[in-house]
C-alpha atoms as a PDB file:
ATOM      1  CA  GLN A   1       6.264  24.570  19.374  1.00  0.00           C
ATOM      2  CA  VAL A   2       5.932  20.606  19.554  1.00  0.00           C
ATOM      3  CA  GLN A   3       1.818  19.316  19.030  1.00  0.00           C
ATOM      4  CA  ILE A   4       0.997  15.937  19.268  1.00  0.00           C
ATOM      5  CA  VAL A   5      -2.961  16.065  18.420  1.00  0.00           C
ATOM      6  CA  GLU A   6      -5.339  12.817  18.543  1.00  0.00           C
ATOM      7  CA  SER A   7      -8.262  12.502  17.289  1.00  0.00           C
ATOM      8  CA  GLY A   8     -11.162  10.060  15.877  1.00  0.00           C
ATOM      9  CA  GLY A   9     -12.350   8.788  19.305  1.00  0.00           C
ATOM     10  CA  GLY A  10     -16.389   8.617  19.874  1.00  0.00           C
ATOM     11  CA  LEU A  11     -18.889   6.067  20.779  1.00  0.00           C
ATOM     12  CA  VAL A  12     -19.091   2.895  18.956  1.00  0.00           C
ATOM     13  CA  GLN A  13     -21.029  -0.425  18.958  1.00  0.00           C
ATOM     14  CA  PRO A  14     -19.453  -4.090  20.171  1.00  0.00           C
ATOM     15  CA  GLY A  15     -17.825  -5.136  16.825  1.00  0.00           C
ATOM     16  CA  GLY A  16     -17.671  -1.813  15.316  1.00  0.00           C
ATOM     17  CA  SER A  17     -14.517  -0.330  14.201  1.00  0.00           C
ATOM     18  CA  LEU A  18     -12.925   3.318  14.811  1.00  0.00           C
ATOM     19  CA  ARG A  19      -9.559   4.901  13.301  1.00  0.00           C
ATOM     20  CA  LEU A  20      -7.656   7.100  15.628  1.00  0.00           C
ATOM     21  CA  SER A  21      -4.961   9.651  14.253  1.00  0.00           C
ATOM     22  CA  CYS A  22      -2.605  11.231  15.951  1.00  0.00           C
ATOM     23  CA  ALA A  23      -0.769  14.430  14.356  1.00  0.00           C
ATOM     24  CA  ALA A  24       2.680  15.720  15.224  1.00  0.00           C
ATOM     25  CA  SER A  25       4.629  18.870  14.577  1.00  0.00           C
ATOM     26  CA  GLY A  26       7.128  20.246  15.890  1.00  0.00           C
ATOM     27  CA  VAL A  27       8.980  17.426  15.319  1.00  0.00           C
ATOM     28  CA  ILE A  28      11.236  15.305  13.121  1.00  0.00           C
ATOM     29  CA  PHE A  29       8.711  12.390  12.709  1.00  0.00           C
ATOM     30  CA  ARG A  30      10.730   9.586  11.215  1.00  0.00           C
ATOM     31  CA  PHE A  31      13.107  10.326  14.470  1.00  0.00           C
ATOM     32  CA  TYR A  32      10.357   8.989  16.352  1.00  0.00           C
ATOM     33  CA  THR A  33       8.870   5.998  17.941  1.00  0.00           C
ATOM     34  CA  MET A  34       5.230   6.602  18.174  1.00  0.00           C
ATOM     35  CA  THR A  35       2.754   4.699  20.553  1.00  0.00           C
ATOM     36  CA  TRP A  36      -0.417   4.286  21.445  1.00  0.00           C
ATOM     37  CA  TYR A  37      -1.163   4.278  25.150  1.00  0.00           C
ATOM     38  CA  ARG A  38      -4.925   4.143  27.091  1.00  0.00           C
ATOM     39  CA  GLN A  39      -6.275   4.579  30.256  1.00  0.00           C
ATOM     40  CA  ALA A  40      -9.690   3.604  31.663  1.00  0.00           C
ATOM     41  CA  PRO A  41     -11.197   4.679  34.431  1.00  0.00           C
ATOM     42  CA  GLY A  42      -9.849   3.757  37.879  1.00  0.00           C
ATOM     43  CA  LYS A  43      -6.917   1.856  35.835  1.00  0.00           C
ATOM     44  CA  GLN A  44      -3.598   2.366  35.350  1.00  0.00           C
ATOM     45  CA  ARG A  45      -1.990   3.581  31.878  1.00  0.00           C
ATOM     46  CA  GLU A  46      -0.995   1.011  29.596  1.00  0.00           C
ATOM     47  CA  LEU A  47       0.780   0.646  26.478  1.00  0.00           C
ATOM     48  CA  VAL A  48      -1.184  -0.441  23.301  1.00  0.00           C
ATOM     49  CA  ALA A  49       0.624  -0.534  20.154  1.00  0.00           C
ATOM     50  CA  THR A  50       4.467   0.618  19.356  1.00  0.00           C
ATOM     51  CA  ILE A  51       5.689   1.540  16.017  1.00  0.00           C
ATOM     52  CA  THR A  52       9.033   2.895  15.623  1.00  0.00           C
ATOM     53  CA  GLY A  53      10.391   5.339  12.734  1.00  0.00           C
ATOM     54  CA  GLY A  54      10.986   2.427  10.516  1.00  0.00           C
ATOM     55  CA  GLY A  55       8.215   0.623  10.769  1.00  0.00           C
ATOM     56  CA  THR A  56       8.594  -1.846  13.165  1.00  0.00           C
ATOM     57  CA  THR A  57       5.078  -3.319  15.359  1.00  0.00           C
ATOM     58  CA  THR A  58       4.851  -4.253  18.631  1.00  0.00           C
ATOM     59  CA  TYR A  59       1.368  -5.012  20.445  1.00  0.00           C
ATOM     60  CA  ILE A  60       0.388  -5.829  23.787  1.00  0.00           C
ATOM     61  CA  ASP A  61      -1.908  -9.715  23.715  1.00  0.00           C
ATOM     62  CA  SER A  62      -4.934  -8.107  23.469  1.00  0.00           C
ATOM     63  CA  VAL A  63      -5.502  -6.626  20.975  1.00  0.00           C
ATOM     64  CA  LYS A  64      -3.328  -8.422  18.436  1.00  0.00           C
ATOM     65  CA  GLY A  65      -5.444  -9.537  15.379  1.00  0.00           C
ATOM     66  CA  ARG A  66      -8.058  -6.679  16.436  1.00  0.00           C
ATOM     67  CA  PHE A  67      -5.903  -3.347  16.054  1.00  0.00           C
ATOM     68  CA  ILE A  68      -3.097  -2.014  13.424  1.00  0.00           C
ATOM     69  CA  ILE A  69      -0.848   0.831  14.134  1.00  0.00           C
ATOM     70  CA  SER A  70       0.593   2.450  11.182  1.00  0.00           C
ATOM     71  CA  ARG A  71       2.242   5.691  10.643  1.00  0.00           C
ATOM     72  CA  ASP A  72       2.869   8.080   7.689  1.00  0.00           C
ATOM     73  CA  ASN A  73       6.005  10.073   8.319  1.00  0.00           C
ATOM     74  CA  GLY A  74       5.353  12.659   5.016  1.00  0.00           C
ATOM     75  CA  LYS A  75       2.393  13.299   6.915  1.00  0.00           C
ATOM     76  CA  ASN A  76       3.968  13.543  10.992  1.00  0.00           C
ATOM     77  CA  THR A  77       0.851  10.882  11.299  1.00  0.00           C
ATOM     78  CA  MET A  78       0.253   7.851  13.267  1.00  0.00           C
ATOM     79  CA  TYR A  79      -2.929   5.981  13.114  1.00  0.00           C
ATOM     80  CA  LEU A  80      -4.537   3.045  14.854  1.00  0.00           C
ATOM     81  CA  GLN A  81      -7.490   0.914  13.360  1.00  0.00           C
ATOM     82  CA  MET A  82      -9.330  -0.648  15.993  1.00  0.00           C
ATOM     83  CA  ASN A  83     -11.365  -3.720  14.917  1.00  0.00           C
ATOM     84  CA  SER A  84     -13.536  -5.641  16.348  1.00  0.00           C
ATOM     85  CA  LEU A  85     -14.233  -3.415  19.167  1.00  0.00           C
ATOM     86  CA  LYS A  86     -14.752  -4.768  22.965  1.00  0.00           C
ATOM     87  CA  PRO A  87     -16.079  -2.632  25.946  1.00  0.00           C
ATOM     88  CA  GLU A  88     -12.915  -3.682  27.712  1.00  0.00           C
ATOM     89  CA  ASP A  89     -11.627  -1.254  25.230  1.00  0.00           C
ATOM     90  CA  THR A  90     -13.136   1.938  26.666  1.00  0.00           C
ATOM     91  CA  ALA A  91     -10.774   4.379  27.427  1.00  0.00           C
ATOM     92  CA  ASN A  92      -8.962   7.323  26.556  1.00  0.00           C
ATOM     93  CA  TYR A  93      -6.503   7.033  24.002  1.00  0.00           C
ATOM     94  CA  TYR A  94      -2.960   8.672  24.545  1.00  0.00           C
ATOM     95  CA  CYS A  95      -0.494   9.098  22.258  1.00  0.00           C
ATOM     96  CA  ASN A  96       3.705   9.128  22.844  1.00  0.00           C
ATOM     97  CA  ALA A  97       6.168  10.404  20.858  1.00  0.00           C
ATOM     98  CA  ARG A  98       9.227   9.321  21.980  1.00  0.00           C
ATOM     99  CA  ARG A  99      12.756  10.154  20.481  1.00  0.00           C
ATOM    100  CA  THR A 100      15.139   7.901  23.049  1.00  0.00           C
ATOM    101  CA  THR A 101      18.826   9.114  21.611  1.00  0.00           C
ATOM    102  CA  VAL A 102      18.064  12.779  22.926  1.00  0.00           C
ATOM    103  CA  ASN A 103      15.735  11.890  25.501  1.00  0.00           C
ATOM    104  CA  LEU A 104      12.730  13.480  23.939  1.00  0.00           C
ATOM    105  CA  GLU A 105       8.990  12.863  24.833  1.00  0.00           C
ATOM    106  CA  TYR A 106       5.817  14.689  24.195  1.00  0.00           C
ATOM    107  CA  TRP A 107       2.176  13.092  25.159  1.00  0.00           C
ATOM    108  CA  GLY A 108      -1.088  13.842  23.767  1.00  0.00           C
ATOM    109  CA  GLN A 109      -4.004  15.216  25.411  1.00  0.00           C
ATOM    110  CA  GLY A 110      -5.851  11.930  24.384  1.00  0.00           C
ATOM    111  CA  THR A 111      -9.377  10.956  22.848  1.00  0.00           C
ATOM    112  CA  GLN A 112     -12.225   9.181  24.270  1.00  0.00           C
ATOM    113  CA  VAL A 113     -13.433   5.914  22.745  1.00  0.00           C
ATOM    114  CA  THR A 114     -16.329   4.022  24.014  1.00  0.00           C
ATOM    115  CA  VAL A 115     -17.444   0.913  23.419  1.00  0.00           C
ATOM    116  CA  SER A 116     -21.198   0.114  24.638  1.00  0.00           C
ATOM    117  CA  SER A 117     -24.795  -0.603  22.973  1.00  0.00           C
END
């Protein structure tokens, strides 16, 4: 059974940092492209950052230089280090695992990040 579980969210002041984790089980983790999405109230879900099995990363412009996506294939875990957080980063953050060659995709339940003073 596949499980995708996010953790690490919480309340932080502007300028602060948080580290999100996404633990995957039931999949051959290194074959999956892993992505962080976020969805703020009243807004569409947006892609934040992606990392391939080989470690290639991409980011949306609004988080470049502030967020760092990484993965540990030995621990089946992906991370998102979020620095210099802004109120507009407030959202529910979701982990996505995708293996396009066999059309498999899985989502976690999300972890809430709130940036407020």
